């Protein structure tokens, strides 16, 4: 079941471009960004016409040491407001919470008291019932909600469909396709979009995609999903994100046909902030070990450890990851 999506030379007003640089990119540097980085990114996103800016994770300080992470691991209200003020703009502010990693009753305030607009709930397929509890809580607090089902390339299709059915009957607004291991190909994305759409559209839910770049397919998979009617499109500046990173925000700004999108503000941000960040030693992006984990549908943490160890014995690494359960 697919809606009328037009073609790649047209544009849909329903498309929402989501910048996840501070959140997924923050995994690379433990969320320690230079002074002024977040405010400059906020300004660039506004000028570029980006629809949603994800500021980071909303996780409990009871579970994570505040001395080991930067501010966007926790997304305190006052820290976001220091960047956006009251955010009297059309761009929405989002945060992400993993199942079980935030104390809803003490750490999620009502929407009327917050500058945050969207809570994105991340869960594995077997955690969907717990994710629904979080969705219901955030919905009652007044937030727009999404649920990102992670690592779907490891799930049996029947299990995923059952999870989608119960999730789509919850108050969730958007259900996300997430290629956590960067292992999916465009033709698989097409089939997955159809499968998700059969369930989601029945309950008037929208779809999103979050792609990883292990096989240099994050952009291809994102525009393939867009062509199939997926409206919420995640990307990061320079693809900054865990391991091989994500779909490039600047590529999406160039691709989408809506004239409200402008690439130039983000290109300026790349020159002034991303290039110096890389020069300082922060590392992410496509590399052979990530290709190998993507090809073999293995978690990229294995490749991250391989690179940190300064190894280059790729032929041995293949055998190691093939032995991973």
C-alpha atoms as a PDB file:
ATOM      1  CA  UNK A   1       0.000   0.000   0.000  1.00  0.00           C
ATOM      2  CA  UNK A   2       1.668   3.205  -1.176  1.00  0.00           C
ATOM      3  CA  UNK A   3       0.431   6.762  -1.292  1.00  0.00           C
ATOM      4  CA  UNK A   4       0.741   9.056  -4.295  1.00  0.00           C
ATOM      5  CA  UNK A   5       4.389  10.131  -4.149  1.00  0.00           C
ATOM      6  CA  UNK A   6       4.958  11.884  -7.479  1.00  0.00           C
ATOM      7  CA  UNK A   7       8.431  11.441  -8.941  1.00  0.00           C
ATOM      8  CA  UNK A   8      11.998  12.474  -8.196  1.00  0.00           C
ATOM      9  CA  UNK A   9      11.655  15.656 -10.245  1.00  0.00           C
ATOM     10  CA  UNK A  10       8.720  16.880  -8.153  1.00  0.00           C
ATOM     11  CA  UNK A  11       8.445  17.610  -4.453  1.00  0.00           C
ATOM     12  CA  UNK A  12       6.049  16.644  -1.684  1.00  0.00           C
ATOM     13  CA  UNK A  13       5.140  19.156   0.986  1.00  0.00           C
ATOM     14  CA  UNK A  14       4.916  16.238   3.430  1.00  0.00           C
ATOM     15  CA  UNK A  15       8.688  15.608   3.298  1.00  0.00           C
ATOM     16  CA  UNK A  16      10.574  16.567   6.464  1.00  0.00           C
ATOM     17  CA  UNK A  17      14.365  16.812   6.388  1.00  0.00           C
ATOM     18  CA  UNK A  18      15.854  15.907   9.768  1.00  0.00           C
ATOM     19  CA  UNK A  19      19.358  16.955  10.857  1.00  0.00           C
ATOM     20  CA  UNK A  20      20.774  14.407  13.331  1.00  0.00           C
ATOM     21  CA  UNK A  21      24.345  15.763  13.454  1.00  0.00           C
ATOM     22  CA  UNK A  22      24.489  16.551  17.174  1.00  0.00           C
ATOM     23  CA  UNK A  23      22.934  13.219  18.131  1.00  0.00           C
ATOM     24  CA  UNK A  24      24.407  10.596  15.797  1.00  0.00           C
ATOM     25  CA  UNK A  25      27.528  12.678  15.268  1.00  0.00           C
ATOM     26  CA  UNK A  26      27.897  13.068  19.010  1.00  0.00           C
ATOM     27  CA  UNK A  27      28.499   9.338  19.341  1.00  0.00           C
ATOM     28  CA  UNK A  28      31.831   9.916  17.566  1.00  0.00           C
ATOM     29  CA  UNK A  29      33.224  12.446  20.073  1.00  0.00           C
ATOM     30  CA  UNK A  30      31.235  11.631  23.238  1.00  0.00           C
ATOM     31  CA  UNK A  31      29.151  14.751  22.488  1.00  0.00           C
ATOM     32  CA  UNK A  32      32.045  17.131  23.122  1.00  0.00           C
ATOM     33  CA  UNK A  33      31.535  19.741  20.415  1.00  0.00           C
ATOM     34  CA  UNK A  34      33.490  23.012  20.250  1.00  0.00           C
ATOM     35  CA  UNK A  35      32.068  26.162  21.795  1.00  0.00           C
ATOM     36  CA  UNK A  36      29.486  27.728  19.487  1.00  0.00           C
ATOM     37  CA  UNK A  37      29.158  24.620  17.284  1.00  0.00           C
ATOM     38  CA  UNK A  38      25.527  23.886  18.172  1.00  0.00           C
ATOM     39  CA  UNK A  39      24.420  27.496  17.776  1.00  0.00           C
ATOM     40  CA  UNK A  40      26.130  27.786  14.381  1.00  0.00           C
ATOM     41  CA  UNK A  41      24.509  24.523  13.259  1.00  0.00           C
ATOM     42  CA  UNK A  42      21.104  25.731  14.430  1.00  0.00           C
ATOM     43  CA  UNK A  43      21.544  28.932  12.412  1.00  0.00           C
ATOM     44  CA  UNK A  44      22.724  27.011   9.333  1.00  0.00           C
ATOM     45  CA  UNK A  45      19.772  24.626   9.531  1.00  0.00           C
ATOM     46  CA  UNK A  46      17.325  27.499   9.831  1.00  0.00           C
ATOM     47  CA  UNK A  47      18.775  29.255   6.800  1.00  0.00           C
ATOM     48  CA  UNK A  48      18.896  25.981   4.838  1.00  0.00           C
ATOM     49  CA  UNK A  49      15.207  25.247   5.447  1.00  0.00           C
ATOM     50  CA  UNK A  50      15.807  22.069   7.477  1.00  0.00           C
ATOM     51  CA  UNK A  51      12.534  20.970   9.062  1.00  0.00           C
ATOM     52  CA  UNK A  52      13.733  19.261  12.255  1.00  0.00           C
ATOM     53  CA  UNK A  53      16.973  19.540  14.233  1.00  0.00           C
ATOM     54  CA  UNK A  54      17.764  16.715  16.630  1.00  0.00           C
ATOM     55  CA  UNK A  55      19.864  18.065  19.487  1.00  0.00           C
ATOM     56  CA  UNK A  56      21.001  14.786  20.971  1.00  0.00           C
ATOM     57  CA  UNK A  57      19.956  12.120  23.419  1.00  0.00           C
ATOM     58  CA  UNK A  58      17.720  12.545  26.417  1.00  0.00           C
ATOM     59  CA  UNK A  59      19.179   9.970  28.799  1.00  0.00           C
ATOM     60  CA  UNK A  60      19.201   9.671  32.566  1.00  0.00           C
ATOM     61  CA  UNK A  61      22.063  11.122  34.568  1.00  0.00           C
ATOM     62  CA  UNK A  62      21.435   8.234  36.944  1.00  0.00           C
ATOM     63  CA  UNK A  63      22.713   5.879  34.243  1.00  0.00           C
ATOM     64  CA  UNK A  64      25.461   7.919  32.554  1.00  0.00           C
ATOM     65  CA  UNK A  65      28.312   9.881  34.123  1.00  0.00           C
ATOM     66  CA  UNK A  66      27.934  13.560  33.262  1.00  0.00           C
ATOM     67  CA  UNK A  67      31.712  13.942  33.505  1.00  0.00           C
ATOM     68  CA  UNK A  68      32.268  11.539  30.608  1.00  0.00           C
ATOM     69  CA  UNK A  69      29.940  13.126  28.055  1.00  0.00           C
ATOM     70  CA  UNK A  70      29.154  16.514  26.574  1.00  0.00           C
ATOM     71  CA  UNK A  71      25.846  18.315  27.071  1.00  0.00           C
ATOM     72  CA  UNK A  72      24.027  16.798  24.083  1.00  0.00           C
ATOM     73  CA  UNK A  73      24.124  13.348  25.671  1.00  0.00           C
ATOM     74  CA  UNK A  74      21.552  14.695  28.138  1.00  0.00           C
ATOM     75  CA  UNK A  75      19.836  17.626  26.384  1.00  0.00           C
ATOM     76  CA  UNK A  76      18.948  19.615  29.485  1.00  0.00           C
ATOM     77  CA  UNK A  77      16.222  22.134  28.796  1.00  0.00           C
ATOM     78  CA  UNK A  78      18.403  25.102  29.736  1.00  0.00           C
ATOM     79  CA  UNK A  79      21.183  23.995  27.371  1.00  0.00           C
ATOM     80  CA  UNK A  80      18.837  23.742  24.403  1.00  0.00           C
ATOM     81  CA  UNK A  81      17.271  27.114  25.262  1.00  0.00           C
ATOM     82  CA  UNK A  82      20.746  28.667  25.401  1.00  0.00           C
ATOM     83  CA  UNK A  83      20.977  27.861  21.690  1.00  0.00           C
ATOM     84  CA  UNK A  84      17.420  28.327  20.417  1.00  0.00           C
ATOM     85  CA  UNK A  85      15.776  30.673  22.920  1.00  0.00           C
ATOM     86  CA  UNK A  86      12.033  30.136  22.511  1.00  0.00           C
ATOM     87  CA  UNK A  87      12.665  28.812  18.971  1.00  0.00           C
ATOM     88  CA  UNK A  88      10.037  31.014  17.378  1.00  0.00           C
ATOM     89  CA  UNK A  89      10.727  29.433  13.995  1.00  0.00           C
ATOM     90  CA  UNK A  90       9.179  26.782  11.760  1.00  0.00           C
ATOM     91  CA  UNK A  91      11.992  24.333  12.547  1.00  0.00           C
ATOM     92  CA  UNK A  92      11.104  21.749  15.176  1.00  0.00           C
ATOM     93  CA  UNK A  93      13.458  20.589  17.944  1.00  0.00           C
ATOM     94  CA  UNK A  94      13.875  16.850  18.597  1.00  0.00           C
ATOM     95  CA  UNK A  95      15.666  14.600  21.071  1.00  0.00           C
ATOM     96  CA  UNK A  96      16.088  10.817  21.149  1.00  0.00           C
ATOM     97  CA  UNK A  97      15.647   8.409  24.041  1.00  0.00           C
ATOM     98  CA  UNK A  98      16.502   4.719  24.004  1.00  0.00           C
ATOM     99  CA  UNK A  99      14.101   2.364  25.723  1.00  0.00           C
ATOM    100  CA  UNK A 100      14.900   2.206  29.430  1.00  0.00           C
ATOM    101  CA  UNK A 101      17.479   4.979  29.419  1.00  0.00           C
ATOM    102  CA  UNK A 102      15.417   7.912  30.654  1.00  0.00           C
ATOM    103  CA  UNK A 103      13.300   8.366  33.773  1.00  0.00           C
ATOM    104  CA  UNK A 104      10.076   9.528  32.174  1.00  0.00           C
ATOM    105  CA  UNK A 105       8.424  10.758  35.362  1.00  0.00           C
ATOM    106  CA  UNK A 106      11.310  12.940  36.521  1.00  0.00           C
ATOM    107  CA  UNK A 107      13.263  13.762  33.347  1.00  0.00           C
ATOM    108  CA  UNK A 108      10.548  14.452  30.744  1.00  0.00           C
ATOM    109  CA  UNK A 109       8.664  17.673  31.438  1.00  0.00           C
ATOM    110  CA  UNK A 110       5.345  18.637  29.811  1.00  0.00           C
ATOM    111  CA  UNK A 111       5.582  20.035  26.277  1.00  0.00           C
ATOM    112  CA  UNK A 112       4.015  23.312  27.427  1.00  0.00           C
ATOM    113  CA  UNK A 113       7.116  23.909  29.572  1.00  0.00           C
ATOM    114  CA  UNK A 114       9.669  22.718  27.007  1.00  0.00           C
ATOM    115  CA  UNK A 115      11.202  24.018  23.806  1.00  0.00           C
ATOM    116  CA  UNK A 116      11.462  20.398  22.606  1.00  0.00           C
ATOM    117  CA  UNK A 117       8.792  19.426  20.078  1.00  0.00           C
ATOM    118  CA  UNK A 118       9.580  15.808  19.214  1.00  0.00           C
ATOM    119  CA  UNK A 119      10.625  12.733  21.190  1.00  0.00           C
ATOM    120  CA  UNK A 120      12.195  10.016  19.064  1.00  0.00           C
ATOM    121  CA  UNK A 121      12.069   6.635  20.797  1.00  0.00           C
ATOM    122  CA  UNK A 122      14.727   4.083  19.760  1.00  0.00           C
ATOM    123  CA  UNK A 123      14.062   0.391  20.346  1.00  0.00           C
ATOM    124  CA  UNK A 124      14.927  -3.043  19.052  1.00  0.00           C
ATOM    125  CA  UNK A 125      12.093  -5.136  17.671  1.00  0.00           C
ATOM    126  CA  UNK A 126      11.641  -7.115  20.897  1.00  0.00           C
ATOM    127  CA  UNK A 127      11.469  -3.857  22.885  1.00  0.00           C
ATOM    128  CA  UNK A 128       8.497  -2.441  20.983  1.00  0.00           C
ATOM    129  CA  UNK A 129       6.018  -3.008  23.864  1.00  0.00           C
ATOM    130  CA  UNK A 130       8.292  -0.953  26.152  1.00  0.00           C
ATOM    131  CA  UNK A 131       8.715   1.632  23.402  1.00  0.00           C
ATOM    132  CA  UNK A 132       4.938   1.987  23.177  1.00  0.00           C
ATOM    133  CA  UNK A 133       4.805   2.803  26.899  1.00  0.00           C
ATOM    134  CA  UNK A 134       7.316   5.598  26.272  1.00  0.00           C
ATOM    135  CA  UNK A 135       5.397   6.803  23.212  1.00  0.00           C
ATOM    136  CA  UNK A 136       2.157   6.904  25.184  1.00  0.00           C
ATOM    137  CA  UNK A 137       3.786   8.843  28.030  1.00  0.00           C
ATOM    138  CA  UNK A 138       5.393  11.418  25.712  1.00  0.00           C
ATOM    139  CA  UNK A 139       2.166  11.725  23.727  1.00  0.00           C
ATOM    140  CA  UNK A 140       0.208  12.480  26.911  1.00  0.00           C
ATOM    141  CA  UNK A 141       2.830  15.091  27.794  1.00  0.00           C
ATOM    142  CA  UNK A 142       2.042  16.820  24.501  1.00  0.00           C
ATOM    143  CA  UNK A 143       4.950  15.736  22.276  1.00  0.00           C
ATOM    144  CA  UNK A 144       5.021  14.562  18.669  1.00  0.00           C
ATOM    145  CA  UNK A 145       6.594  11.091  18.721  1.00  0.00           C
ATOM    146  CA  UNK A 146       8.502   8.745  16.456  1.00  0.00           C
ATOM    147  CA  UNK A 147       9.681   5.183  17.018  1.00  0.00           C
ATOM    148  CA  UNK A 148      12.925   4.025  15.420  1.00  0.00           C
ATOM    149  CA  UNK A 149      13.056   0.230  15.205  1.00  0.00           C
ATOM    150  CA  UNK A 150      16.772  -0.544  15.115  1.00  0.00           C
ATOM    151  CA  UNK A 151      18.788  -3.320  13.468  1.00  0.00           C
ATOM    152  CA  UNK A 152      15.889  -4.560  11.339  1.00  0.00           C
ATOM    153  CA  UNK A 153      18.292  -6.449   9.063  1.00  0.00           C
ATOM    154  CA  UNK A 154      18.629  -8.961  11.928  1.00  0.00           C
ATOM    155  CA  UNK A 155      14.884  -9.538  12.357  1.00  0.00           C
ATOM    156  CA  UNK A 156      12.615 -12.200  10.946  1.00  0.00           C
ATOM    157  CA  UNK A 157      10.076 -10.465   8.716  1.00  0.00           C
ATOM    158  CA  UNK A 158       7.167 -12.082  10.579  1.00  0.00           C
ATOM    159  CA  UNK A 159       8.432 -10.715  13.915  1.00  0.00           C
ATOM    160  CA  UNK A 160       8.869  -7.256  12.432  1.00  0.00           C
ATOM    161  CA  UNK A 161       5.353  -7.225  10.976  1.00  0.00           C
ATOM    162  CA  UNK A 162       3.862  -8.208  14.350  1.00  0.00           C
ATOM    163  CA  UNK A 163       5.835  -5.429  16.044  1.00  0.00           C
ATOM    164  CA  UNK A 164       4.708  -2.931  13.409  1.00  0.00           C
ATOM    165  CA  UNK A 165       1.067  -3.907  13.888  1.00  0.00           C
ATOM    166  CA  UNK A 166       1.060  -3.197  17.615  1.00  0.00           C
ATOM    167  CA  UNK A 167       3.215  -0.076  17.230  1.00  0.00           C
ATOM    168  CA  UNK A 168       0.971   1.390  14.523  1.00  0.00           C
ATOM    169  CA  UNK A 169      -2.024   1.092  16.862  1.00  0.00           C
ATOM    170  CA  UNK A 170      -0.265   3.297  19.440  1.00  0.00           C
ATOM    171  CA  UNK A 171      -0.297   7.139  19.421  1.00  0.00           C
ATOM    172  CA  UNK A 172       3.094   7.207  17.614  1.00  0.00           C
ATOM    173  CA  UNK A 173       3.186   9.717  14.746  1.00  0.00           C
ATOM    174  CA  UNK A 174       6.073   8.348  12.647  1.00  0.00           C
ATOM    175  CA  UNK A 175       7.573   4.865  12.348  1.00  0.00           C
ATOM    176  CA  UNK A 176      11.203   4.741  11.236  1.00  0.00           C
ATOM    177  CA  UNK A 177      13.043   2.282   9.026  1.00  0.00           C
ATOM    178  CA  UNK A 178      16.569   2.048  10.477  1.00  0.00           C
ATOM    179  CA  UNK A 179      19.483   0.385   8.663  1.00  0.00           C
ATOM    180  CA  UNK A 180      21.656   0.209  11.781  1.00  0.00           C
ATOM    181  CA  UNK A 181      24.397  -1.916  10.218  1.00  0.00           C
ATOM    182  CA  UNK A 182      24.457  -0.232   6.792  1.00  0.00           C
ATOM    183  CA  UNK A 183      23.793  -3.640   5.277  1.00  0.00           C
ATOM    184  CA  UNK A 184      20.695  -2.963   3.156  1.00  0.00           C
ATOM    185  CA  UNK A 185      20.534  -2.291  -0.589  1.00  0.00           C
ATOM    186  CA  UNK A 186      18.098  -0.024  -2.462  1.00  0.00           C
ATOM    187  CA  UNK A 187      16.030  -2.938  -3.792  1.00  0.00           C
ATOM    188  CA  UNK A 188      15.657  -4.205  -0.206  1.00  0.00           C
ATOM    189  CA  UNK A 189      14.679  -0.707   0.929  1.00  0.00           C
ATOM    190  CA  UNK A 190      11.908  -0.694  -1.683  1.00  0.00           C
ATOM    191  CA  UNK A 191      10.502  -3.950  -0.337  1.00  0.00           C
ATOM    192  CA  UNK A 192      10.813  -2.801   3.290  1.00  0.00           C
ATOM    193  CA  UNK A 193       9.018   0.460   2.480  1.00  0.00           C
ATOM    194  CA  UNK A 194       6.156  -1.566   1.013  1.00  0.00           C
ATOM    195  CA  UNK A 195       6.050  -3.820   4.074  1.00  0.00           C
ATOM    196  CA  UNK A 196       6.082  -0.886   6.525  1.00  0.00           C
ATOM    197  CA  UNK A 197       3.591   1.035   4.408  1.00  0.00           C
ATOM    198  CA  UNK A 198       1.081  -1.841   4.384  1.00  0.00           C
ATOM    199  CA  UNK A 199       0.855  -1.496   8.151  1.00  0.00           C
ATOM    200  CA  UNK A 200       1.560   2.191   8.777  1.00  0.00           C
ATOM    201  CA  UNK A 201      -0.759   3.728   6.207  1.00  0.00           C
ATOM    202  CA  UNK A 202      -3.620   1.530   7.426  1.00  0.00           C
ATOM    203  CA  UNK A 203      -3.412   3.435  10.728  1.00  0.00           C
ATOM    204  CA  UNK A 204      -2.590   6.830   9.146  1.00  0.00           C
ATOM    205  CA  UNK A 205       1.020   6.817  10.330  1.00  0.00           C
ATOM    206  CA  UNK A 206       3.945   8.371   8.466  1.00  0.00           C
ATOM    207  CA  UNK A 207       7.269   6.693   7.769  1.00  0.00           C
ATOM    208  CA  UNK A 208      10.869   7.813   8.248  1.00  0.00           C
ATOM    209  CA  UNK A 209      14.293   6.437   7.356  1.00  0.00           C
ATOM    210  CA  UNK A 210      17.652   6.543   9.116  1.00  0.00           C
ATOM    211  CA  UNK A 211      20.416   5.046   6.974  1.00  0.00           C
ATOM    212  CA  UNK A 212      24.063   4.234   7.732  1.00  0.00           C
ATOM    213  CA  UNK A 213      26.853   4.474   5.188  1.00  0.00           C
ATOM    214  CA  UNK A 214      28.865   1.277   5.657  1.00  0.00           C
ATOM    215  CA  UNK A 215      28.518   0.371   1.974  1.00  0.00           C
ATOM    216  CA  UNK A 216      28.282   4.000   0.794  1.00  0.00           C
ATOM    217  CA  UNK A 217      24.552   3.497   0.233  1.00  0.00           C
ATOM    218  CA  UNK A 218      23.054   5.797   2.871  1.00  0.00           C
ATOM    219  CA  UNK A 219      22.184   8.500   0.320  1.00  0.00           C
ATOM    220  CA  UNK A 220      20.962   5.976  -2.268  1.00  0.00           C
ATOM    221  CA  UNK A 221      18.801   4.194   0.298  1.00  0.00           C
ATOM    222  CA  UNK A 222      17.375   7.466   1.615  1.00  0.00           C
ATOM    223  CA  UNK A 223      16.316   8.764  -1.789  1.00  0.00           C
ATOM    224  CA  UNK A 224      14.956   5.317  -2.666  1.00  0.00           C
ATOM    225  CA  UNK A 225      12.792   5.441   0.454  1.00  0.00           C
ATOM    226  CA  UNK A 226      11.759   8.992  -0.429  1.00  0.00           C
ATOM    227  CA  UNK A 227      10.654   7.775  -3.864  1.00  0.00           C
ATOM    228  CA  UNK A 228       8.565   5.109  -2.149  1.00  0.00           C
ATOM    229  CA  UNK A 229       6.711   7.667  -0.055  1.00  0.00           C
ATOM    230  CA  UNK A 230       8.800   7.883   3.114  1.00  0.00           C
ATOM    231  CA  UNK A 231       8.480  11.445   4.418  1.00  0.00           C
ATOM    232  CA  UNK A 232      10.914  11.826   7.334  1.00  0.00           C
ATOM    233  CA  UNK A 233      14.477  11.740   6.024  1.00  0.00           C
ATOM    234  CA  UNK A 234      17.403  11.688   8.470  1.00  0.00           C
ATOM    235  CA  UNK A 235      20.812  13.073   7.508  1.00  0.00           C
ATOM    236  CA  UNK A 236      23.888  14.629   9.126  1.00  0.00           C
ATOM    237  CA  UNK A 237      26.344  17.303   8.009  1.00  0.00           C
ATOM    238  CA  UNK A 238      29.266  15.608   6.243  1.00  0.00           C
ATOM    239  CA  UNK A 239      27.599  12.316   7.155  1.00  0.00           C
ATOM    240  CA  UNK A 240      28.925  12.656  10.723  1.00  0.00           C
ATOM    241  CA  UNK A 241      27.814   9.679  12.772  1.00  0.00           C
ATOM    242  CA  UNK A 242      28.780   6.447  14.451  1.00  0.00           C
ATOM    243  CA  UNK A 243      31.318   4.462  12.456  1.00  0.00           C
ATOM    244  CA  UNK A 244      30.743   4.930   8.742  1.00  0.00           C
ATOM    245  CA  UNK A 245      28.282   7.707   9.451  1.00  0.00           C
ATOM    246  CA  UNK A 246      25.005   8.632   7.823  1.00  0.00           C
ATOM    247  CA  UNK A 247      23.351  10.103   4.769  1.00  0.00           C
ATOM    248  CA  UNK A 248      24.927  13.493   3.976  1.00  0.00           C
ATOM    249  CA  UNK A 249      22.677  16.439   4.791  1.00  0.00           C
ATOM    250  CA  UNK A 250      24.240  18.550   2.047  1.00  0.00           C
ATOM    251  CA  UNK A 251      23.491  15.803  -0.493  1.00  0.00           C
ATOM    252  CA  UNK A 252      19.845  15.745   0.551  1.00  0.00           C
ATOM    253  CA  UNK A 253      19.593  19.536   0.330  1.00  0.00           C
ATOM    254  CA  UNK A 254      20.906  19.293  -3.216  1.00  0.00           C
ATOM    255  CA  UNK A 255      18.570  16.454  -4.130  1.00  0.00           C
ATOM    256  CA  UNK A 256      15.212  17.612  -2.752  1.00  0.00           C
ATOM    257  CA  UNK A 257      13.267  19.757  -5.199  1.00  0.00           C
ATOM    258  CA  UNK A 258      11.393  21.946  -2.743  1.00  0.00           C
ATOM    259  CA  UNK A 259      12.732  25.476  -3.362  1.00  0.00           C
ATOM    260  CA  UNK A 260      12.675  26.221   0.371  1.00  0.00           C
ATOM    261  CA  UNK A 261      15.821  24.105   0.806  1.00  0.00           C
ATOM    262  CA  UNK A 262      19.163  25.874   0.378  1.00  0.00           C
ATOM    263  CA  UNK A 263      22.535  24.142   0.402  1.00  0.00           C
ATOM    264  CA  UNK A 264      24.762  27.214   0.793  1.00  0.00           C
ATOM    265  CA  UNK A 265      24.286  27.807   4.561  1.00  0.00           C
ATOM    266  CA  UNK A 266      25.293  24.217   5.291  1.00  0.00           C
ATOM    267  CA  UNK A 267      28.278  24.417   2.947  1.00  0.00           C
ATOM    268  CA  UNK A 268      29.441  27.489   4.860  1.00  0.00           C
ATOM    269  CA  UNK A 269      29.007  25.548   8.110  1.00  0.00           C
ATOM    270  CA  UNK A 270      31.111  22.721   6.673  1.00  0.00           C
ATOM    271  CA  UNK A 271      33.948  25.142   5.902  1.00  0.00           C
ATOM    272  CA  UNK A 272      33.808  26.993   9.205  1.00  0.00           C
ATOM    273  CA  UNK A 273      33.082  24.112  11.600  1.00  0.00           C
ATOM    274  CA  UNK A 274      33.197  20.600  10.122  1.00  0.00           C
ATOM    275  CA  UNK A 275      36.569  20.921   8.383  1.00  0.00           C
ATOM    276  CA  UNK A 276      38.243  22.179  11.596  1.00  0.00           C
ATOM    277  CA  UNK A 277      36.486  19.420  13.573  1.00  0.00           C
ATOM    278  CA  UNK A 278      37.982  16.754  11.320  1.00  0.00           C
ATOM    279  CA  UNK A 279      41.365  18.482  11.416  1.00  0.00           C
ATOM    280  CA  UNK A 280      41.265  18.268  15.220  1.00  0.00           C
ATOM    281  CA  UNK A 281      41.295  14.474  14.965  1.00  0.00           C
ATOM    282  CA  UNK A 282      37.615  13.524  15.178  1.00  0.00           C
ATOM    283  CA  UNK A 283      37.178  10.521  12.867  1.00  0.00           C
ATOM    284  CA  UNK A 284      34.120   9.103  11.120  1.00  0.00           C
ATOM    285  CA  UNK A 285      33.091   7.998   7.658  1.00  0.00           C
ATOM    286  CA  UNK A 286      33.389   5.163   5.187  1.00  0.00           C
ATOM    287  CA  UNK A 287      36.363   2.837   5.641  1.00  0.00           C
ATOM    288  CA  UNK A 288      37.129  -0.745   4.627  1.00  0.00           C
ATOM    289  CA  UNK A 289      36.277  -2.284   8.045  1.00  0.00           C
ATOM    290  CA  UNK A 290      32.827  -0.669   7.934  1.00  0.00           C
ATOM    291  CA  UNK A 291      32.305  -1.992   4.425  1.00  0.00           C
ATOM    292  CA  UNK A 292      33.074  -5.484   5.685  1.00  0.00           C
ATOM    293  CA  UNK A 293      30.665  -5.284   8.630  1.00  0.00           C
ATOM    294  CA  UNK A 294      27.967  -3.895   6.337  1.00  0.00           C
ATOM    295  CA  UNK A 295      28.469  -6.641   3.766  1.00  0.00           C
ATOM    296  CA  UNK A 296      28.209  -9.268   6.494  1.00  0.00           C
ATOM    297  CA  UNK A 297      25.345  -7.667   8.460  1.00  0.00           C
ATOM    298  CA  UNK A 298      27.457  -7.309  11.617  1.00  0.00           C
ATOM    299  CA  UNK A 299      27.330  -4.525  14.196  1.00  0.00           C
ATOM    300  CA  UNK A 300      29.875  -1.780  13.315  1.00  0.00           C
ATOM    301  CA  UNK A 301      31.295  -1.735  16.841  1.00  0.00           C
ATOM    302  CA  UNK A 302      33.549  -4.552  15.636  1.00  0.00           C
ATOM    303  CA  UNK A 303      34.978  -2.244  12.962  1.00  0.00           C
ATOM    304  CA  UNK A 304      35.247   0.659  15.397  1.00  0.00           C
ATOM    305  CA  UNK A 305      37.416  -1.488  17.685  1.00  0.00           C
ATOM    306  CA  UNK A 306      39.482  -2.678  14.695  1.00  0.00           C
ATOM    307  CA  UNK A 307      40.229   0.904  13.615  1.00  0.00           C
ATOM    308  CA  UNK A 308      40.977   2.083  17.169  1.00  0.00           C
ATOM    309  CA  UNK A 309      43.523  -0.726  17.465  1.00  0.00           C
ATOM    310  CA  UNK A 310      45.333   0.627  14.397  1.00  0.00           C
ATOM    311  CA  UNK A 311      44.912  -2.637  12.536  1.00  0.00           C
ATOM    312  CA  UNK A 312      44.937  -3.100   8.761  1.00  0.00           C
ATOM    313  CA  UNK A 313      44.784  -6.904   8.470  1.00  0.00           C
ATOM    314  CA  UNK A 314      41.438  -6.793   6.697  1.00  0.00           C
ATOM    315  CA  UNK A 315      41.629 -10.382   5.494  1.00  0.00           C
ATOM    316  CA  UNK A 316      41.823 -11.578   9.105  1.00  0.00           C
ATOM    317  CA  UNK A 317      39.053  -9.201  10.139  1.00  0.00           C
ATOM    318  CA  UNK A 318      36.687 -10.866   7.666  1.00  0.00           C
ATOM    319  CA  UNK A 319      37.195 -14.189   9.375  1.00  0.00           C
ATOM    320  CA  UNK A 320      36.677 -12.616  12.793  1.00  0.00           C
ATOM    321  CA  UNK A 321      33.373 -11.003  11.921  1.00  0.00           C
ATOM    322  CA  UNK A 322      32.108 -14.126  10.186  1.00  0.00           C
ATOM    323  CA  UNK A 323      32.558 -15.867  13.527  1.00  0.00           C
ATOM    324  CA  UNK A 324      30.428 -13.253  15.317  1.00  0.00           C
ATOM    325  CA  UNK A 325      27.043 -14.636  16.304  1.00  0.00           C
END
